[in-house]
């Protein structure tokens, strides 16, 4: 069945509109963030027809909710979004993941707009209308880059393990133990009564009820991991089927909102297969 053409001038199909689904892309997850309903729906349809997994979002808030629980290979961003714009989203994503593929798809075609978009951290800057084949090729190149980085990372880990297997065992230096025991100068403070969390630079943010619960629960473990199940109990999430998703969304919002407010990442880490841990946070209970 032929692929439908885009309505309007936002995207141009190449003459071969009956391009079959490409199973090569079956594990490539693309986020599409576009606030124009017709373009978002049609472009999502066309990318899915090409074989990509697509999550389409109309705003930054919707994108962050989904991105917190789904891995992505590439993000296609409009710049002129309501609320938080695409430039801000790009800057946030790039600061946390240097390998994520980021493509701007926008109506802003001036030279200064292009330069600014690329300086923000985008890998590609495409101006509407755009050829679908060109967009897909760009997505493919970014996906290949991510795959190559993953392969290289696994190779490095394997090589390190091989060296460790043949190298003679030796005791860790005493200095390393002292370093681990020494308190970090980058200590945050969390006022339990007011919900105010203060970064080492003196900037603060008042946490919501759920955010306070998470920070307090994690701070009681002195940097040790707290499982998602334990956090779900603290957050009074009764349905086990919803626990993982809701905890991940709350933690993602907490990290993002605190960093935006105080300009320093909160030392809250995901330990895969174990849970979350929080380090260098002093609780003030008075």
Protein backbone atom coordinates (compact mmCIF):
# COMPACT_ATOMS: atom_id res chain seq x y z
CA UNK A 1 0.00 0.00 0.00
CA UNK A 2 1.51 3.38 -0.91
CA UNK A 3 2.59 5.69 1.88
CA UNK A 4 0.45 8.79 2.21
CA UNK A 5 2.09 12.14 1.46
CA UNK A 6 2.44 14.84 4.07
CA UNK A 7 -0.26 17.49 4.07
CA UNK A 8 1.10 21.00 3.62
CA UNK A 9 4.70 22.07 2.98
CA UNK A 10 6.32 20.82 6.14
CA UNK A 11 7.85 17.69 4.66
CA UNK A 12 8.41 16.46 1.10
CA UNK A 13 8.16 12.82 0.10
CA UNK A 14 10.57 11.57 -2.55
CA UNK A 15 8.91 10.17 -5.73
CA UNK A 16 9.22 6.58 -4.47
CA UNK A 17 6.46 6.88 -1.91
CA UNK A 18 5.95 3.12 -1.67
CA UNK A 19 9.23 2.57 0.21
CA UNK A 20 8.81 -0.69 2.16
CA UNK A 21 9.33 -1.06 5.86
CA UNK A 22 13.03 -1.48 6.67
CA UNK A 23 13.52 -4.04 9.42
CA UNK A 24 17.04 -2.68 10.00
CA UNK A 25 15.43 0.05 12.08
CA UNK A 26 13.33 -2.23 14.27
CA UNK A 27 15.35 -1.47 17.40
CA UNK A 28 15.96 2.21 16.61
CA UNK A 29 13.74 4.29 18.88
CA UNK A 30 13.09 7.84 17.65
CA UNK A 31 11.48 10.56 19.75
CA UNK A 32 9.60 13.18 17.72
CA UNK A 33 8.84 16.44 19.55
CA UNK A 34 6.56 18.63 17.42
CA UNK A 35 3.63 20.80 18.56
CA UNK A 36 1.88 21.00 15.16
CA UNK A 37 -0.62 18.15 15.33
CA UNK A 38 -0.87 17.29 11.64
CA UNK A 39 2.88 17.30 11.07
CA UNK A 40 3.54 15.26 14.21
CA UNK A 41 0.96 12.63 13.28
CA UNK A 42 1.99 12.35 9.64
CA UNK A 43 5.73 12.33 10.24
CA UNK A 44 5.28 9.72 12.97
CA UNK A 45 3.30 7.58 10.52
CA UNK A 46 5.93 7.90 7.80
CA UNK A 47 8.84 7.06 10.11
CA UNK A 48 6.98 4.05 11.48
CA UNK A 49 6.36 2.92 7.89
CA UNK A 50 10.14 3.06 7.35
CA UNK A 51 10.54 0.68 10.32
CA UNK A 52 11.46 3.00 13.18
CA UNK A 53 9.95 2.84 16.64
CA UNK A 54 8.49 6.31 17.17
CA UNK A 55 7.25 8.11 20.27
CA UNK A 56 5.59 11.38 19.26
CA UNK A 57 5.22 14.21 21.79
CA UNK A 58 3.60 17.63 21.55
CA UNK A 59 5.56 19.42 24.29
CA UNK A 60 8.70 19.31 26.41
CA UNK A 61 6.73 18.14 29.45
CA UNK A 62 5.25 15.20 27.54
CA UNK A 63 8.67 14.35 26.09
CA UNK A 64 10.37 14.29 29.50
CA UNK A 65 7.65 12.01 30.90
CA UNK A 66 8.20 9.43 28.17
CA UNK A 67 11.96 9.86 27.87
CA UNK A 68 12.37 9.08 31.57
CA UNK A 69 11.23 5.50 31.04
CA UNK A 70 12.12 4.70 27.39
CA UNK A 71 15.59 4.53 25.88
CA UNK A 72 16.14 6.47 22.66
CA UNK A 73 18.63 6.43 19.80
CA UNK A 74 17.64 9.74 18.21
CA UNK A 75 15.50 12.76 19.14
CA UNK A 76 13.95 14.93 16.39
CA UNK A 77 13.11 18.34 17.85
CA UNK A 78 11.12 21.35 16.73
CA UNK A 79 12.53 24.57 18.18
CA UNK A 80 9.39 26.71 18.50
CA UNK A 81 7.57 24.71 21.17
CA UNK A 82 5.17 26.15 23.72
CA UNK A 83 6.76 26.39 27.16
CA UNK A 84 10.29 24.98 27.15
CA UNK A 85 11.63 25.27 23.61
CA UNK A 86 13.69 22.81 21.59
CA UNK A 87 16.97 24.63 22.23
CA UNK A 88 16.55 24.18 25.98
CA UNK A 89 15.64 20.50 25.57
CA UNK A 90 18.70 19.96 23.37
CA UNK A 91 21.03 21.61 25.86
CA UNK A 92 19.66 19.48 28.69
CA UNK A 93 19.94 16.23 26.71
CA UNK A 94 23.44 16.93 25.45
CA UNK A 95 24.74 17.73 28.94
CA UNK A 96 23.65 14.26 30.08
CA UNK A 97 24.34 12.14 26.99
CA UNK A 98 27.08 13.13 24.50
CA UNK A 99 26.22 10.22 22.17
CA UNK A 100 22.46 10.72 21.80
CA UNK A 101 21.47 11.72 18.26
CA UNK A 102 19.72 15.11 18.20
CA UNK A 103 18.17 16.60 15.05
CA UNK A 104 16.46 19.96 14.82
CA UNK A 105 13.54 20.01 12.36
CA UNK A 106 12.34 23.59 12.27
CA UNK A 107 11.01 26.43 10.14
CA UNK A 108 13.82 28.73 11.35
CA UNK A 109 16.23 28.80 8.42
CA UNK A 110 18.42 31.85 8.99
CA UNK A 111 22.16 31.33 9.22
CA UNK A 112 22.32 32.56 12.81
CA UNK A 113 19.53 30.15 13.80
CA UNK A 114 21.44 27.24 12.27
CA UNK A 115 24.69 28.16 13.97
CA UNK A 116 22.99 28.66 17.33
CA UNK A 117 21.18 25.33 17.05
CA UNK A 118 24.36 23.43 16.27
CA UNK A 119 26.26 25.22 19.03
CA UNK A 120 23.55 24.17 21.48
CA UNK A 121 24.50 20.56 20.82
CA UNK A 122 22.44 19.31 17.87
CA UNK A 123 24.03 16.89 15.42
CA UNK A 124 21.97 18.13 12.48
CA UNK A 125 19.83 21.16 11.68
CA UNK A 126 17.15 20.61 9.05
CA UNK A 127 14.77 23.29 7.77
CA UNK A 128 11.15 22.55 6.82
CA UNK A 129 10.19 21.42 4.25
CA UNK A 130 12.58 18.47 4.35
CA UNK A 131 12.91 15.35 2.21
CA UNK A 132 11.90 12.24 4.14
CA UNK A 133 14.82 10.28 2.66
CA UNK A 134 17.26 12.94 3.87
CA UNK A 135 15.80 12.82 7.38
CA UNK A 136 15.94 9.01 7.47
CA UNK A 137 19.56 8.95 6.28
CA UNK A 138 20.49 11.43 9.01
CA UNK A 139 18.74 9.28 11.63
CA UNK A 140 20.58 6.20 10.31
CA UNK A 141 24.00 7.87 10.56
CA UNK A 142 23.35 8.91 14.15
CA UNK A 143 22.09 5.43 15.02
CA UNK A 144 25.24 3.92 13.50
CA UNK A 145 27.37 6.24 15.62
CA UNK A 146 25.59 5.13 18.78
CA UNK A 147 25.93 1.45 17.87
CA UNK A 148 29.65 1.87 17.16
CA UNK A 149 30.18 3.62 20.49
CA UNK A 150 28.38 0.79 22.28
CA UNK A 151 30.50 -1.83 20.50
CA UNK A 152 33.71 0.04 21.35
CA UNK A 153 32.61 0.35 24.96
CA UNK A 154 31.92 -3.39 25.22
CA UNK A 155 35.29 -4.14 23.59
CA UNK A 156 37.07 -1.92 26.09
CA UNK A 157 35.31 -3.63 29.00
CA UNK A 158 36.19 -7.07 27.64
CA UNK A 159 39.82 -6.07 27.18
CA UNK A 160 39.99 -4.69 30.71
CA UNK A 161 38.53 -7.90 32.11
CA UNK A 162 41.02 -9.98 30.15
CA UNK A 163 43.90 -7.96 31.57
CA UNK A 164 42.47 -8.29 35.07
CA UNK A 165 42.21 -12.07 34.68
CA UNK A 166 45.92 -12.47 33.88
CA UNK A 167 47.35 -9.69 36.05
CA UNK A 168 48.62 -10.61 39.54
CA UNK A 169 46.39 -9.51 42.37
CA UNK A 170 47.71 -6.64 44.46
CA UNK A 171 46.29 -4.77 47.41
CA UNK A 172 44.65 -1.42 46.85
CA UNK A 173 46.72 1.56 47.98
CA UNK A 174 45.95 2.87 51.46
CA UNK A 175 45.47 6.32 49.94
CA UNK A 176 42.40 5.07 48.03
CA UNK A 177 40.75 3.92 51.23
CA UNK A 178 41.45 7.24 52.92
CA UNK A 179 40.07 9.08 49.92
CA UNK A 180 36.85 7.09 50.03
CA UNK A 181 36.42 7.75 53.72
CA UNK A 182 37.09 11.48 53.46
CA UNK A 183 34.00 13.72 53.35
CA UNK A 184 33.29 15.46 50.05
CA UNK A 185 33.59 19.27 50.05
CA UNK A 186 30.58 19.40 47.70
CA UNK A 187 27.92 18.82 50.35
CA UNK A 188 24.28 19.64 49.75
CA UNK A 189 21.80 20.39 52.54
CA UNK A 190 18.15 19.35 52.72
CA UNK A 191 15.80 20.99 55.22
CA UNK A 192 13.24 18.34 56.03
CA UNK A 193 10.67 20.76 57.49
CA UNK A 194 10.62 23.26 54.62
CA UNK A 195 11.61 20.93 51.78
CA UNK A 196 14.39 23.31 50.74
CA UNK A 197 17.42 21.70 49.11
CA UNK A 198 20.54 23.84 48.82
CA UNK A 199 23.45 23.15 46.47
CA UNK A 200 27.12 23.76 47.35
CA UNK A 201 26.97 27.01 45.35
CA UNK A 202 24.30 28.38 47.73
CA UNK A 203 21.38 28.18 45.30
CA UNK A 204 18.21 26.47 46.51
CA UNK A 205 14.95 24.94 45.37
CA UNK A 206 11.87 23.94 47.36
CA UNK A 207 10.88 20.34 46.63
CA UNK A 208 7.40 18.96 46.10
CA UNK A 209 5.93 16.39 48.47
CA UNK A 210 6.97 13.37 46.40
CA UNK A 211 10.42 14.84 45.79
CA UNK A 212 10.92 15.35 49.54
CA UNK A 213 9.95 11.73 50.15
CA UNK A 214 12.49 10.47 47.62
CA UNK A 215 15.34 12.68 48.85
CA UNK A 216 14.72 11.82 52.49
CA UNK A 217 14.45 8.06 51.82
CA UNK A 218 17.68 8.05 49.83
CA UNK A 219 19.55 10.29 52.28
CA UNK A 220 18.95 7.81 55.10
CA UNK A 221 21.08 5.18 53.35
CA UNK A 222 24.36 7.14 53.31
CA UNK A 223 25.01 6.63 49.60
CA UNK A 224 23.78 3.03 49.50
CA UNK A 225 21.19 1.95 46.94
CA UNK A 226 17.46 2.01 47.65
CA UNK A 227 15.36 -0.24 45.42
CA UNK A 228 12.50 0.99 43.27
CA UNK A 229 10.16 -1.20 45.32
CA UNK A 230 11.22 0.48 48.56
CA UNK A 231 10.76 3.94 47.08
CA UNK A 232 7.33 2.94 45.80
CA UNK A 233 6.32 1.98 49.34
CA UNK A 234 7.57 5.34 50.67
CA UNK A 235 5.64 7.14 47.91
CA UNK A 236 2.45 5.18 48.74
CA UNK A 237 2.21 3.72 45.23
CA UNK A 238 -0.23 0.87 45.78
CA UNK A 239 -0.25 -0.70 42.32
CA UNK A 240 2.95 -2.75 41.74
CA UNK A 241 2.42 -2.58 37.97
CA UNK A 242 2.77 1.21 38.08
CA UNK A 243 5.60 1.39 40.62
CA UNK A 244 8.64 1.36 38.32
CA UNK A 245 7.22 3.87 35.85
CA UNK A 246 6.01 6.32 38.50
CA UNK A 247 9.23 6.19 40.52
CA UNK A 248 11.32 6.79 37.38
CA UNK A 249 9.16 9.77 36.38
CA UNK A 250 9.40 11.33 39.85
CA UNK A 251 13.18 10.84 39.99
CA UNK A 252 13.65 12.23 36.48
CA UNK A 253 11.63 15.35 37.28
CA UNK A 254 13.52 15.79 40.54
CA UNK A 255 16.90 15.67 38.83
CA UNK A 256 15.86 17.98 36.02
CA UNK A 257 14.09 20.60 38.12
CA UNK A 258 16.85 20.80 40.72
CA UNK A 259 19.56 21.16 38.10
CA UNK A 260 17.59 23.87 36.31
CA UNK A 261 17.12 25.78 39.57
CA UNK A 262 20.62 25.51 41.08
CA UNK A 263 22.72 24.94 37.93
CA UNK A 264 24.45 21.88 39.42
CA UNK A 265 23.41 18.25 38.86
CA UNK A 266 21.94 16.62 41.96
CA UNK A 267 24.20 13.69 43.02
CA UNK A 268 21.37 11.18 42.56
CA UNK A 269 22.45 8.10 40.63
CA UNK A 270 20.79 5.05 39.08
CA UNK A 271 22.56 1.79 39.96
CA UNK A 272 21.23 -0.57 37.31
CA UNK A 273 19.63 -3.68 38.72
CA UNK A 274 19.89 -2.29 42.25
CA UNK A 275 18.06 1.03 42.62
CA UNK A 276 18.92 4.67 43.27
CA UNK A 277 21.46 6.27 45.56
CA UNK A 278 22.01 9.83 46.78
CA UNK A 279 25.38 11.10 47.94
CA UNK A 280 26.76 14.14 49.75
CA UNK A 281 23.41 15.38 51.09
CA UNK A 282 23.11 16.45 54.73
CA UNK A 283 19.60 16.39 56.22
CA UNK A 284 18.60 19.22 58.54
CA UNK A 285 15.61 18.07 60.58
CA UNK A 286 14.98 21.21 62.65
